[in-house]
């Protein structure tokens, strides 16, 4: 867990995605790895907003385990529905950006890796 957190806080995700693509990994697989990480802050904000709005409507989310289980569906259902809608929007954006287009893709920024970092990457 500490290694994952250290990696997430010390690496720009756009550079990591570009490095995955440059290493020969298909761009679809790179996107599959990176996209959930990009969505974590949005999910955290959305969960907080859903919880506040449900509490303002009178939903009791604090208490014993039975109360929390009863409050689970009204909290999770809007999160899942919102995630499905966002997934459709992301698919449309990827399609308009020619994500599945044939041919080599170019990048505005190239990543330079010194020899020692290439060795570290292989290890």
PDB file of N, CA and C in Angstrom:
ATOM      1  N   UNK A   1       0.827  -1.187   0.000  1.00  0.00           N
ATOM      2  CA  UNK A   1       0.000   0.000   0.000  1.00  0.00           C
ATOM      3  C   UNK A   1       0.871   1.250   0.000  1.00  0.00           C
ATOM      4  N   UNK A   2       1.918   1.236   0.816  1.00  0.00           N
ATOM      5  CA  UNK A   2       2.819   2.395   0.864  1.00  0.00           C
ATOM      6  C   UNK A   2       3.519   2.598  -0.474  1.00  0.00           C
ATOM      7  N   UNK A   3       3.916   1.516  -1.120  1.00  0.00           N
ATOM      8  CA  UNK A   3       4.564   1.630  -2.421  1.00  0.00           C
ATOM      9  C   UNK A   3       3.606   2.216  -3.446  1.00  0.00           C
ATOM     10  N   UNK A   4       2.375   1.772  -3.430  1.00  0.00           N
ATOM     11  CA  UNK A   4       1.382   2.303  -4.366  1.00  0.00           C
ATOM     12  C   UNK A   4       1.137   3.781  -4.125  1.00  0.00           C
ATOM     13  N   UNK A   5       0.993   4.179  -2.866  1.00  0.00           N
ATOM     14  CA  UNK A   5       0.780   5.593  -2.553  1.00  0.00           C
ATOM     15  C   UNK A   5       1.988   6.431  -2.937  1.00  0.00           C
ATOM     16  N   UNK A   6       3.179   5.937  -2.662  1.00  0.00           N
ATOM     17  CA  UNK A   6       4.390   6.659  -3.046  1.00  0.00           C
ATOM     18  C   UNK A   6       4.449   6.838  -4.556  1.00  0.00           C
ATOM     19  N   UNK A   7       4.113   5.791  -5.286  1.00  0.00           N
ATOM     20  CA  UNK A   7       4.103   5.878  -6.746  1.00  0.00           C
ATOM     21  C   UNK A   7       3.078   6.892  -7.236  1.00  0.00           C
ATOM     22  N   UNK A   8       1.864   6.858  -6.681  1.00  0.00           N
ATOM     23  CA  UNK A   8       0.806   7.765  -7.129  1.00  0.00           C
ATOM     24  C   UNK A   8       1.126   9.225  -6.834  1.00  0.00           C
ATOM     25  N   UNK A   9       1.761   9.482  -5.691  1.00  0.00           N
ATOM     26  CA  UNK A   9       2.070  10.868  -5.332  1.00  0.00           C
ATOM     27  C   UNK A   9       3.347  11.388  -5.965  1.00  0.00           C
ATOM     28  N   UNK A  10       4.187  10.509  -6.499  1.00  0.00           N
ATOM     29  CA  UNK A  10       5.460  10.969  -7.065  1.00  0.00           C
ATOM     30  C   UNK A  10       5.504  10.897  -8.590  1.00  0.00           C
ATOM     31  N   UNK A  11       4.464  10.396  -9.227  1.00  0.00           N
ATOM     32  CA  UNK A  11       4.473  10.223 -10.677  1.00  0.00           C
ATOM     33  C   UNK A  11       3.288  10.940 -11.300  1.00  0.00           C
ATOM     34  N   UNK A  12       3.560  11.703 -12.349  1.00  0.00           N
ATOM     35  CA  UNK A  12       2.463  12.300 -13.101  1.00  0.00           C
ATOM     36  C   UNK A  12       1.816  11.199 -13.932  1.00  0.00           C
ATOM     37  N   UNK A  13       0.506  11.092 -13.850  1.00  0.00           N
ATOM     38  CA  UNK A  13      -0.184  10.008 -14.536  1.00  0.00           C
ATOM     39  C   UNK A  13      -0.079  10.131 -16.046  1.00  0.00           C
ATOM     40  N   UNK A  14      -0.032  11.349 -16.556  1.00  0.00           N
ATOM     41  CA  UNK A  14       0.107  11.514 -18.003  1.00  0.00           C
ATOM     42  C   UNK A  14       1.475  10.999 -18.470  1.00  0.00           C
ATOM     43  N   UNK A  15       2.523  11.248 -17.684  1.00  0.00           N
ATOM     44  CA  UNK A  15       3.848  10.715 -18.029  1.00  0.00           C
ATOM     45  C   UNK A  15       3.870   9.198 -17.928  1.00  0.00           C
ATOM     46  N   UNK A  16       3.205   8.657 -16.911  1.00  0.00           N
ATOM     47  CA  UNK A  16       3.154   7.210 -16.751  1.00  0.00           C
ATOM     48  C   UNK A  16       2.420   6.564 -17.918  1.00  0.00           C
ATOM     49  N   UNK A  17       1.324   7.161 -18.332  1.00  0.00           N
ATOM     50  CA  UNK A  17       0.569   6.635 -19.473  1.00  0.00           C
ATOM     51  C   UNK A  17       1.408   6.688 -20.744  1.00  0.00           C
ATOM     52  N   UNK A  18       2.095   7.792 -20.952  1.00  0.00           N
ATOM     53  CA  UNK A  18       2.940   7.938 -22.126  1.00  0.00           C
ATOM     54  C   UNK A  18       4.095   6.923 -22.100  1.00  0.00           C
ATOM     55  N   UNK A  19       4.658   6.686 -20.915  1.00  0.00           N
ATOM     56  CA  UNK A  19       5.741   5.709 -20.789  1.00  0.00           C
ATOM     57  C   UNK A  19       5.237   4.297 -21.069  1.00  0.00           C
ATOM     58  N   UNK A  20       4.039   3.984 -20.615  1.00  0.00           N
ATOM     59  CA  UNK A  20       3.467   2.665 -20.908  1.00  0.00           C
ATOM     60  C   UNK A  20       3.287   2.475 -22.409  1.00  0.00           C
ATOM     61  N   UNK A  21       2.789   3.509 -23.070  1.00  0.00           N
ATOM     62  CA  UNK A  21       2.573   3.430 -24.514  1.00  0.00           C
ATOM     63  C   UNK A  21       3.906   3.336 -25.252  1.00  0.00           C
ATOM     64  N   UNK A  22       4.906   4.116 -24.814  1.00  0.00           N
ATOM     65  CA  UNK A  22       6.223   4.081 -25.461  1.00  0.00           C
ATOM     66  C   UNK A  22       6.934   2.757 -25.254  1.00  0.00           C
ATOM     67  N   UNK A  23       6.603   2.053 -24.170  1.00  0.00           N
ATOM     68  CA  UNK A  23       7.268   0.779 -23.913  1.00  0.00           C
ATOM     69  C   UNK A  23       6.696  -0.352 -24.751  1.00  0.00           C
ATOM     70  N   UNK A  24       5.662  -0.060 -25.550  1.00  0.00           N
ATOM     71  CA  UNK A  24       5.103  -1.077 -26.427  1.00  0.00           C
ATOM     72  C   UNK A  24       3.769  -1.626 -25.979  1.00  0.00           C
ATOM     73  N   UNK A  25       3.295  -1.191 -24.840  1.00  0.00           N
ATOM     74  CA  UNK A  25       1.992  -1.630 -24.352  1.00  0.00           C
ATOM     75  C   UNK A  25       0.902  -0.994 -25.215  1.00  0.00           C
ATOM     76  N   UNK A  26      -0.103  -1.754 -25.622  1.00  0.00           N
ATOM     77  CA  UNK A  26      -1.180  -1.148 -26.415  1.00  0.00           C
ATOM     78  C   UNK A  26      -1.838   0.004 -25.655  1.00  0.00           C
ATOM     79  N   UNK A  27      -2.217   1.044 -26.383  1.00  0.00           N
ATOM     80  CA  UNK A  27      -2.794   2.222 -25.737  1.00  0.00           C
ATOM     81  C   UNK A  27      -4.095   1.885 -25.013  1.00  0.00           C
ATOM     82  N   UNK A  28      -4.828   0.884 -25.503  1.00  0.00           N
ATOM     83  CA  UNK A  28      -6.066   0.484 -24.832  1.00  0.00           C
ATOM     84  C   UNK A  28      -5.790  -0.062 -23.433  1.00  0.00           C
ATOM     85  N   UNK A  29      -4.731  -0.874 -23.325  1.00  0.00           N
ATOM     86  CA  UNK A  29      -4.377  -1.440 -22.031  1.00  0.00           C
ATOM     87  C   UNK A  29      -3.838  -0.362 -21.096  1.00  0.00           C
ATOM     88  N   UNK A  30      -3.069   0.572 -21.635  1.00  0.00           N
ATOM     89  CA  UNK A  30      -2.587   1.692 -20.826  1.00  0.00           C
ATOM     90  C   UNK A  30      -3.727   2.522 -20.289  1.00  0.00           C
ATOM     91  N   UNK A  31      -4.726   2.767 -21.127  1.00  0.00           N
ATOM     92  CA  UNK A  31      -5.894   3.523 -20.682  1.00  0.00           C
ATOM     93  C   UNK A  31      -6.660   2.745 -19.618  1.00  0.00           C
ATOM     94  N   UNK A  32      -6.745   1.437 -19.769  1.00  0.00           N
ATOM     95  CA  UNK A  32      -7.437   0.602 -18.799  1.00  0.00           C
ATOM     96  C   UNK A  32      -6.754   0.658 -17.430  1.00  0.00           C
ATOM     97  N   UNK A  33      -5.440   0.798 -17.419  1.00  0.00           N
ATOM     98  CA  UNK A  33      -4.690   0.887 -16.168  1.00  0.00           C
ATOM     99  C   UNK A  33      -4.825   2.277 -15.545  1.00  0.00           C
ATOM    100  N   UNK A  34      -4.753   3.310 -16.361  1.00  0.00           N
ATOM    101  CA  UNK A  34      -4.695   4.684 -15.874  1.00  0.00           C
ATOM    102  C   UNK A  34      -6.070   5.264 -15.540  1.00  0.00           C
ATOM    103  N   UNK A  35      -7.096   4.925 -16.288  1.00  0.00           N
ATOM    104  CA  UNK A  35      -8.396   5.594 -16.121  1.00  0.00           C
ATOM    105  C   UNK A  35      -9.000   5.465 -14.718  1.00  0.00           C
ATOM    106  N   UNK A  36      -8.932   4.311 -14.045  1.00  0.00           N
ATOM    107  CA  UNK A  36      -9.487   4.285 -12.681  1.00  0.00           C
ATOM    108  C   UNK A  36      -8.748   5.214 -11.721  1.00  0.00           C
ATOM    109  N   UNK A  37      -7.449   5.383 -11.939  1.00  0.00           N
ATOM    110  CA  UNK A  37      -6.674   6.268 -11.063  1.00  0.00           C
ATOM    111  C   UNK A  37      -7.107   7.714 -11.286  1.00  0.00           C
ATOM    112  N   UNK A  38      -7.366   8.084 -12.541  1.00  0.00           N
ATOM    113  CA  UNK A  38      -7.858   9.425 -12.835  1.00  0.00           C
ATOM    114  C   UNK A  38      -9.227   9.686 -12.210  1.00  0.00           C
ATOM    115  N   UNK A  39     -10.023   8.651 -12.077  1.00  0.00           N
ATOM    116  CA  UNK A  39     -11.397   8.813 -11.599  1.00  0.00           C
ATOM    117  C   UNK A  39     -11.508   8.842 -10.078  1.00  0.00           C
ATOM    118  N   UNK A  40     -10.468   8.457  -9.349  1.00  0.00           N
ATOM    119  CA  UNK A  40     -10.550   8.398  -7.888  1.00  0.00           C
ATOM    120  C   UNK A  40     -10.910   9.731  -7.235  1.00  0.00           C
ATOM    121  N   UNK A  41     -10.269  10.850  -7.583  1.00  0.00           N
ATOM    122  CA  UNK A  41     -10.668  12.118  -6.942  1.00  0.00           C
ATOM    123  C   UNK A  41     -12.121  12.500  -7.240  1.00  0.00           C
ATOM    124  N   UNK A  42     -12.574  12.241  -8.468  1.00  0.00           N
ATOM    125  CA  UNK A  42     -13.966  12.545  -8.804  1.00  0.00           C
ATOM    126  C   UNK A  42     -14.933  11.687  -7.996  1.00  0.00           C
ATOM    127  N   UNK A  43     -14.601  10.405  -7.830  1.00  0.00           N
ATOM    128  CA  UNK A  43     -15.456   9.524  -7.038  1.00  0.00           C
ATOM    129  C   UNK A  43     -15.503   9.974  -5.588  1.00  0.00           C
ATOM    130  N   UNK A  44     -14.378  10.388  -5.056  1.00  0.00           N
ATOM    131  CA  UNK A  44     -14.335  10.844  -3.675  1.00  0.00           C
ATOM    132  C   UNK A  44     -15.223  12.071  -3.483  1.00  0.00           C
ATOM    133  N   UNK A  45     -15.127  13.031  -4.393  1.00  0.00           N
ATOM    134  CA  UNK A  45     -15.984  14.223  -4.316  1.00  0.00           C
ATOM    135  C   UNK A  45     -17.454  13.858  -4.475  1.00  0.00           C
ATOM    136  N   UNK A  46     -17.732  12.959  -5.408  1.00  0.00           N
ATOM    137  CA  UNK A  46     -19.118  12.564  -5.660  1.00  0.00           C
ATOM    138  C   UNK A  46     -19.714  11.847  -4.445  1.00  0.00           C
ATOM    139  N   UNK A  47     -18.942  10.970  -3.814  1.00  0.00           N
ATOM    140  CA  UNK A  47     -19.420  10.257  -2.617  1.00  0.00           C
ATOM    141  C   UNK A  47     -19.745  11.259  -1.517  1.00  0.00           C
ATOM    142  N   UNK A  48     -18.872  12.253  -1.340  1.00  0.00           N
ATOM    143  CA  UNK A  48     -19.106  13.264  -0.310  1.00  0.00           C
ATOM    144  C   UNK A  48     -20.385  14.055  -0.599  1.00  0.00           C
ATOM    145  N   UNK A  49     -20.582  14.458  -1.849  1.00  0.00           N
ATOM    146  CA  UNK A  49     -21.796  15.217  -2.208  1.00  0.00           C
ATOM    147  C   UNK A  49     -23.061  14.375  -2.042  1.00  0.00           C
ATOM    148  N   UNK A  50     -23.003  13.110  -2.453  1.00  0.00           N
ATOM    149  CA  UNK A  50     -24.171  12.223  -2.327  1.00  0.00           C
ATOM    150  C   UNK A  50     -24.518  12.026  -0.858  1.00  0.00           C
ATOM    151  N   UNK A  51     -23.510  11.811  -0.037  1.00  0.00           N
ATOM    152  CA  UNK A  51     -23.767  11.601   1.391  1.00  0.00           C
ATOM    153  C   UNK A  51     -24.390  12.845   2.025  1.00  0.00           C
ATOM    154  N   UNK A  52     -23.844  14.017   1.693  1.00  0.00           N
ATOM    155  CA  UNK A  52     -24.413  15.255   2.240  1.00  0.00           C
ATOM    156  C   UNK A  52     -25.852  15.472   1.777  1.00  0.00           C
ATOM    157  N   UNK A  53     -26.107  15.208   0.495  1.00  0.00           N
ATOM    158  CA  UNK A  53     -27.467  15.435  -0.009  1.00  0.00           C
ATOM    159  C   UNK A  53     -28.452  14.442   0.590  1.00  0.00           C
ATOM    160  N   UNK A  54     -28.032  13.199   0.776  1.00  0.00           N
ATOM    161  CA  UNK A  54     -28.934  12.209   1.382  1.00  0.00           C
ATOM    162  C   UNK A  54     -29.181  12.526   2.861  1.00  0.00           C
ATOM    163  N   UNK A  55     -28.167  13.027   3.547  1.00  0.00           N
ATOM    164  CA  UNK A  55     -28.355  13.405   4.945  1.00  0.00           C
ATOM    165  C   UNK A  55     -29.281  14.614   5.062  1.00  0.00           C
ATOM    166  N   UNK A  56     -29.197  15.535   4.090  1.00  0.00           N
ATOM    167  CA  UNK A  56     -30.090  16.694   4.133  1.00  0.00           C
ATOM    168  C   UNK A  56     -31.537  16.291   3.864  1.00  0.00           C
ATOM    169  N   UNK A  57     -31.734  15.146   3.214  1.00  0.00           N
ATOM    170  CA  UNK A  57     -33.080  14.635   2.975  1.00  0.00           C
ATOM    171  C   UNK A  57     -33.588  13.798   4.142  1.00  0.00           C
ATOM    172  N   UNK A  58     -32.759  13.642   5.180  1.00  0.00           N
ATOM    173  CA  UNK A  58     -33.195  12.930   6.375  1.00  0.00           C
ATOM    174  C   UNK A  58     -32.678  11.510   6.494  1.00  0.00           C
ATOM    175  N   UNK A  59     -31.778  11.077   5.611  1.00  0.00           N
ATOM    176  CA  UNK A  59     -31.232   9.722   5.703  1.00  0.00           C
ATOM    177  C   UNK A  59     -30.237   9.659   6.852  1.00  0.00           C
ATOM    178  N   UNK A  60     -30.420   8.703   7.725  1.00  0.00           N
ATOM    179  CA  UNK A  60     -29.520   8.517   8.863  1.00  0.00           C
ATOM    180  C   UNK A  60     -28.399   7.572   8.439  1.00  0.00           C
ATOM    181  N   UNK A  61     -27.172   8.069   8.390  1.00  0.00           N
ATOM    182  CA  UNK A  61     -26.035   7.248   7.968  1.00  0.00           C
ATOM    183  C   UNK A  61     -25.114   6.909   9.125  1.00  0.00           C
ATOM    184  N   UNK A  62     -25.362   7.478  10.291  1.00  0.00           N
ATOM    185  CA  UNK A  62     -24.534   7.191  11.464  1.00  0.00           C
ATOM    186  C   UNK A  62     -25.359   6.386  12.457  1.00  0.00           C
ATOM    187  N   UNK A  63     -24.703   5.424  13.053  1.00  0.00           N
ATOM    188  CA  UNK A  63     -25.401   4.591  14.037  1.00  0.00           C
ATOM    189  C   UNK A  63     -24.873   3.173  13.998  1.00  0.00           C
ATOM    190  N   UNK A  64     -25.724   2.240  14.400  1.00  0.00           N
ATOM    191  CA  UNK A  64     -25.284   0.846  14.444  1.00  0.00           C
ATOM    192  C   UNK A  64     -25.196   0.260  13.036  1.00  0.00           C
ATOM    193  N   UNK A  65     -24.793  -0.977  12.954  1.00  0.00           N
ATOM    194  CA  UNK A  65     -24.532  -1.620  11.662  1.00  0.00           C
ATOM    195  C   UNK A  65     -25.810  -1.757  10.829  1.00  0.00           C
ATOM    196  N   UNK A  66     -26.955  -1.990  11.458  1.00  0.00           N
ATOM    197  CA  UNK A  66     -28.203  -2.122  10.704  1.00  0.00           C
ATOM    198  C   UNK A  66     -28.596  -0.811  10.034  1.00  0.00           C
ATOM    199  N   UNK A  67     -28.401   0.295  10.715  1.00  0.00           N
ATOM    200  CA  UNK A  67     -28.710   1.604  10.135  1.00  0.00           C
ATOM    201  C   UNK A  67     -27.786   1.890   8.954  1.00  0.00           C
ATOM    202  N   UNK A  68     -26.541   1.535   9.105  1.00  0.00           N
ATOM    203  CA  UNK A  68     -25.582   1.768   8.015  1.00  0.00           C
ATOM    204  C   UNK A  68     -25.870   0.889   6.808  1.00  0.00           C
ATOM    205  N   UNK A  69     -26.276  -0.350   7.043  1.00  0.00           N
ATOM    206  CA  UNK A  69     -26.621  -1.238   5.928  1.00  0.00           C
ATOM    207  C   UNK A  69     -27.864  -0.718   5.209  1.00  0.00           C
ATOM    208  N   UNK A  70     -28.852  -0.239   5.966  1.00  0.00           N
ATOM    209  CA  UNK A  70     -30.063   0.309   5.376  1.00  0.00           C
ATOM    210  C   UNK A  70     -29.747   1.561   4.543  1.00  0.00           C
ATOM    211  N   UNK A  71     -28.759   2.332   4.951  1.00  0.00           N
ATOM    212  CA  UNK A  71     -28.402   3.560   4.239  1.00  0.00           C
ATOM    213  C   UNK A  71     -27.467   3.300   3.061  1.00  0.00           C
ATOM    214  N   UNK A  72     -27.020   2.069   2.900  1.00  0.00           N
ATOM    215  CA  UNK A  72     -26.035   1.777   1.850  1.00  0.00           C
ATOM    216  C   UNK A  72     -26.604   1.959   0.447  1.00  0.00           C
ATOM    217  N   UNK A  73     -27.783   1.436   0.171  1.00  0.00           N
ATOM    218  CA  UNK A  73     -28.344   1.533  -1.176  1.00  0.00           C
ATOM    219  C   UNK A  73     -28.590   2.978  -1.619  1.00  0.00           C
ATOM    220  N   UNK A  74     -29.200   3.822  -0.785  1.00  0.00           N
ATOM    221  CA  UNK A  74     -29.392   5.214  -1.227  1.00  0.00           C
ATOM    222  C   UNK A  74     -28.079   5.967  -1.448  1.00  0.00           C
ATOM    223  N   UNK A  75     -26.993   5.482  -0.889  1.00  0.00           N
ATOM    224  CA  UNK A  75     -25.701   6.129  -1.104  1.00  0.00           C
ATOM    225  C   UNK A  75     -24.970   5.571  -2.330  1.00  0.00           C
ATOM    226  N   UNK A  76     -25.088   4.266  -2.544  1.00  0.00           N
ATOM    227  CA  UNK A  76     -24.325   3.621  -3.614  1.00  0.00           C
ATOM    228  C   UNK A  76     -25.019   3.724  -4.972  1.00  0.00           C
ATOM    229  N   UNK A  77     -26.336   3.675  -4.989  1.00  0.00           N
ATOM    230  CA  UNK A  77     -27.063   3.698  -6.262  1.00  0.00           C
ATOM    231  C   UNK A  77     -26.756   4.947  -7.095  1.00  0.00           C
ATOM    232  N   UNK A  78     -26.809   6.166  -6.536  1.00  0.00           N
ATOM    233  CA  UNK A  78     -26.468   7.334  -7.362  1.00  0.00           C
ATOM    234  C   UNK A  78     -25.003   7.335  -7.812  1.00  0.00           C
ATOM    235  N   UNK A  79     -24.127   6.771  -6.991  1.00  0.00           N
ATOM    236  CA  UNK A  79     -22.714   6.700  -7.370  1.00  0.00           C
ATOM    237  C   UNK A  79     -22.533   5.797  -8.584  1.00  0.00           C
ATOM    238  N   UNK A  80     -23.172   4.647  -8.584  1.00  0.00           N
ATOM    239  CA  UNK A  80     -23.037   3.701  -9.695  1.00  0.00           C
ATOM    240  C   UNK A  80     -23.693   4.249 -10.957  1.00  0.00           C
ATOM    241  N   UNK A  81     -24.875   4.835 -10.819  1.00  0.00           N
ATOM    242  CA  UNK A  81     -25.535   5.412 -11.992  1.00  0.00           C
ATOM    243  C   UNK A  81     -24.713   6.555 -12.585  1.00  0.00           C
ATOM    244  N   UNK A  82     -24.160   7.392 -11.735  1.00  0.00           N
ATOM    245  CA  UNK A  82     -23.301   8.477 -12.216  1.00  0.00           C
ATOM    246  C   UNK A  82     -22.046   7.952 -12.898  1.00  0.00           C
ATOM    247  N   UNK A  83     -21.482   6.873 -12.367  1.00  0.00           N
ATOM    248  CA  UNK A  83     -20.286   6.277 -12.981  1.00  0.00           C
ATOM    249  C   UNK A  83     -20.604   5.708 -14.352  1.00  0.00           C
ATOM    250  N   UNK A  84     -21.781   5.099 -14.510  1.00  0.00           N
ATOM    251  CA  UNK A  84     -22.167   4.567 -15.819  1.00  0.00           C
ATOM    252  C   UNK A  84     -22.355   5.678 -16.841  1.00  0.00           C
ATOM    253  N   UNK A  85     -22.972   6.772 -16.425  1.00  0.00           N
ATOM    254  CA  UNK A  85     -23.150   7.903 -17.337  1.00  0.00           C
ATOM    255  C   UNK A  85     -21.799   8.509 -17.703  1.00  0.00           C
ATOM    256  N   UNK A  86     -20.917   8.618 -16.721  1.00  0.00           N
ATOM    257  CA  UNK A  86     -19.589   9.162 -16.995  1.00  0.00           C
ATOM    258  C   UNK A  86     -18.790   8.248 -17.920  1.00  0.00           C
ATOM    259  N   UNK A  87     -18.966   6.944 -17.791  1.00  0.00           N
ATOM    260  CA  UNK A  87     -18.278   6.001 -18.675  1.00  0.00           C
ATOM    261  C   UNK A  87     -18.729   6.195 -20.116  1.00  0.00           C
ATOM    262  N   UNK A  88     -20.022   6.411 -20.308  1.00  0.00           N
ATOM    263  CA  UNK A  88     -20.514   6.662 -21.663  1.00  0.00           C
ATOM    264  C   UNK A  88     -19.924   7.963 -22.219  1.00  0.00           C
ATOM    265  N   UNK A  89     -19.866   8.995 -21.393  1.00  0.00           N
ATOM    266  CA  UNK A  89     -19.273  10.263 -21.835  1.00  0.00           C
ATOM    267  C   UNK A  89     -17.802  10.104 -22.187  1.00  0.00           C
ATOM    268  N   UNK A  90     -17.079   9.344 -21.379  1.00  0.00           N
ATOM    269  CA  UNK A  90     -15.651   9.112 -21.663  1.00  0.00           C
ATOM    270  C   UNK A  90     -15.477   8.336 -22.968  1.00  0.00           C
ATOM    271  N   UNK A  91     -16.347   7.378 -23.220  1.00  0.00           N
ATOM    272  CA  UNK A  91     -16.268   6.616 -24.469  1.00  0.00           C
ATOM    273  C   UNK A  91     -16.496   7.524 -25.674  1.00  0.00           C
ATOM    274  N   UNK A  92     -17.453   8.448 -25.562  1.00  0.00           N
ATOM    275  CA  UNK A  92     -17.689   9.388 -26.657  1.00  0.00           C
ATOM    276  C   UNK A  92     -16.490  10.308 -26.876  1.00  0.00           C
ATOM    277  N   UNK A  93     -15.883  10.760 -25.799  1.00  0.00           N
ATOM    278  CA  UNK A  93     -14.703  11.619 -25.921  1.00  0.00           C
ATOM    279  C   UNK A  93     -13.550  10.855 -26.577  1.00  0.00           C
ATOM    280  N   UNK A  94     -13.336   9.612 -26.167  1.00  0.00           N
ATOM    281  CA  UNK A  94     -12.265   8.816 -26.778  1.00  0.00           C
ATOM    282  C   UNK A  94     -12.521   8.584 -28.260  1.00  0.00           C
ATOM    283  N   UNK A  95     -13.775   8.366 -28.604  1.00  0.00           N
ATOM    284  CA  UNK A  95     -14.111   8.150 -30.011  1.00  0.00           C
ATOM    285  C   UNK A  95     -13.858   9.404 -30.835  1.00  0.00           C
ATOM    286  N   UNK A  96     -14.201  10.567 -30.299  1.00  0.00           N
ATOM    287  CA  UNK A  96     -13.967  11.807 -31.050  1.00  0.00           C
ATOM    288  C   UNK A  96     -12.490  12.150 -31.160  1.00  0.00           C
ATOM    289  N   UNK A  97     -11.687  11.618 -30.272  1.00  0.00           N
ATOM    290  CA  UNK A  97     -10.238  11.854 -30.330  1.00  0.00           C
ATOM    291  C   UNK A  97      -9.506  10.759 -31.107  1.00  0.00           C
ATOM    292  N   UNK A  98     -10.241   9.910 -31.801  1.00  0.00           N
ATOM    293  CA  UNK A  98      -9.686   8.841 -32.638  1.00  0.00           C
ATOM    294  C   UNK A  98      -8.781   7.913 -31.826  1.00  0.00           C
ATOM    295  N   UNK A  99      -9.279   7.482 -30.670  1.00  0.00           N
ATOM    296  CA  UNK A  99      -8.497   6.619 -29.791  1.00  0.00           C
ATOM    297  C   UNK A  99      -8.174   5.287 -30.455  1.00  0.00           C
ATOM    298  N   UNK A 100      -9.104   4.736 -31.223  1.00  0.00           N
ATOM    299  CA  UNK A 100      -8.898   3.436 -31.858  1.00  0.00           C
ATOM    300  C   UNK A 100      -8.423   3.553 -33.301  1.00  0.00           C
ATOM    301  N   UNK A 101      -7.953   4.710 -33.699  1.00  0.00           N
ATOM    302  CA  UNK A 101      -7.492   4.896 -35.074  1.00  0.00           C
ATOM    303  C   UNK A 101      -6.240   4.058 -35.331  1.00  0.00           C
ATOM    304  N   UNK A 102      -6.128   3.585 -36.576  1.00  0.00           N
ATOM    305  CA  UNK A 102      -4.952   2.808 -36.947  1.00  0.00           C
ATOM    306  C   UNK A 102      -3.756   3.735 -37.120  1.00  0.00           C
ATOM    307  N   UNK A 103      -2.582   3.164 -37.014  1.00  0.00           N
ATOM    308  CA  UNK A 103      -1.368   3.933 -37.227  1.00  0.00           C
ATOM    309  C   UNK A 103      -0.713   4.341 -35.917  1.00  0.00           C
ATOM    310  N   UNK A 104       0.510   4.848 -36.046  1.00  0.00           N
ATOM    311  CA  UNK A 104       1.272   5.267 -34.876  1.00  0.00           C
ATOM    312  C   UNK A 104       0.738   6.604 -34.368  1.00  0.00           C
ATOM    313  N   UNK A 105       0.599   6.690 -33.069  1.00  0.00           N
ATOM    314  CA  UNK A 105       0.100   7.911 -32.464  1.00  0.00           C
ATOM    315  C   UNK A 105       1.281   8.793 -32.060  1.00  0.00           C
ATOM    316  N   UNK A 106       1.092  10.088 -32.203  1.00  0.00           N
ATOM    317  CA  UNK A 106       2.141  11.024 -31.822  1.00  0.00           C
ATOM    318  C   UNK A 106       1.784  11.669 -30.495  1.00  0.00           C
ATOM    319  N   UNK A 107       2.780  12.275 -29.899  1.00  0.00           N
ATOM    320  CA  UNK A 107       2.570  12.930 -28.618  1.00  0.00           C
ATOM    321  C   UNK A 107       3.212  14.309 -28.664  1.00  0.00           C
ATOM    322  N   UNK A 108       2.598  15.243 -27.977  1.00  0.00           N
ATOM    323  CA  UNK A 108       3.134  16.593 -27.926  1.00  0.00           C
ATOM    324  C   UNK A 108       4.419  16.638 -27.110  1.00  0.00           C
ATOM    325  N   UNK A 109       4.493  15.816 -26.063  1.00  0.00           N
ATOM    326  CA  UNK A 109       5.655  15.794 -25.172  1.00  0.00           C
ATOM    327  C   UNK A 109       6.291  14.410 -25.248  1.00  0.00           C
ATOM    328  N   UNK A 110       7.566  14.378 -25.489  1.00  0.00           N
ATOM    329  CA  UNK A 110       8.300  13.113 -25.506  1.00  0.00           C
ATOM    330  C   UNK A 110       9.012  12.912 -24.179  1.00  0.00           C
ATOM    331  N   UNK A 111       9.084  11.683 -23.743  1.00  0.00           N
ATOM    332  CA  UNK A 111       9.746  11.362 -22.481  1.00  0.00           C
ATOM    333  C   UNK A 111      11.169  10.911 -22.785  1.00  0.00           C
ATOM    334  N   UNK A 112      12.124  11.564 -22.130  1.00  0.00           N
ATOM    335  CA  UNK A 112      13.516  11.186 -22.280  1.00  0.00           C
ATOM    336  C   UNK A 112      13.910  10.336 -21.085  1.00  0.00           C
ATOM    337  N   UNK A 113      14.417   9.137 -21.370  1.00  0.00           N
ATOM    338  CA  UNK A 113      14.870   8.249 -20.305  1.00  0.00           C
ATOM    339  C   UNK A 113      16.372   8.041 -20.411  1.00  0.00           C
ATOM    340  N   UNK A 114      17.132   8.460 -19.399  1.00  0.00           N
ATOM    341  CA  UNK A 114      18.564   8.161 -19.400  1.00  0.00           C
ATOM    342  C   UNK A 114      18.799   6.652 -19.316  1.00  0.00           C
ATOM    343  N   UNK A 115      19.993   6.233 -19.617  1.00  0.00           N
ATOM    344  CA  UNK A 115      20.333   4.808 -19.650  1.00  0.00           C
ATOM    345  C   UNK A 115      20.068   4.138 -18.303  1.00  0.00           C
ATOM    346  N   UNK A 116      20.439   4.802 -17.196  1.00  0.00           N
ATOM    347  CA  UNK A 116      20.252   4.176 -15.881  1.00  0.00           C
ATOM    348  C   UNK A 116      18.768   3.973 -15.567  1.00  0.00           C
ATOM    349  N   UNK A 117      17.916   4.873 -16.041  1.00  0.00           N
ATOM    350  CA  UNK A 117      16.490   4.706 -15.816  1.00  0.00           C
ATOM    351  C   UNK A 117      15.919   3.597 -16.680  1.00  0.00           C
ATOM    352  N   UNK A 118      16.464   3.405 -17.878  1.00  0.00           N
ATOM    353  CA  UNK A 118      16.033   2.286 -18.700  1.00  0.00           C
ATOM    354  C   UNK A 118      16.369   0.955 -18.037  1.00  0.00           C
ATOM    355  N   UNK A 119      17.554   0.867 -17.448  1.00  0.00           N
ATOM    356  CA  UNK A 119      17.947  -0.340 -16.737  1.00  0.00           C
ATOM    357  C   UNK A 119      17.014  -0.572 -15.549  1.00  0.00           C
ATOM    358  N   UNK A 120      16.731   0.490 -14.798  1.00  0.00           N
ATOM    359  CA  UNK A 120      15.808   0.394 -13.655  1.00  0.00           C
ATOM    360  C   UNK A 120      14.413  -0.025 -14.113  1.00  0.00           C
ATOM    361  N   UNK A 121      13.978   0.472 -15.267  1.00  0.00           N
ATOM    362  CA  UNK A 121      12.671   0.135 -15.799  1.00  0.00           C
ATOM    363  C   UNK A 121      12.603  -1.344 -16.163  1.00  0.00           C
ATOM    364  N   UNK A 122      13.655  -1.874 -16.737  1.00  0.00           N
ATOM    365  CA  UNK A 122      13.693  -3.292 -17.088  1.00  0.00           C
ATOM    366  C   UNK A 122      13.658  -4.167 -15.836  1.00  0.00           C
ATOM    367  N   UNK A 123      14.384  -3.732 -14.812  1.00  0.00           N
ATOM    368  CA  UNK A 123      14.420  -4.503 -13.549  1.00  0.00           C
ATOM    369  C   UNK A 123      13.060  -4.458 -12.904  1.00  0.00           C
TER     370      UNK A 123
END
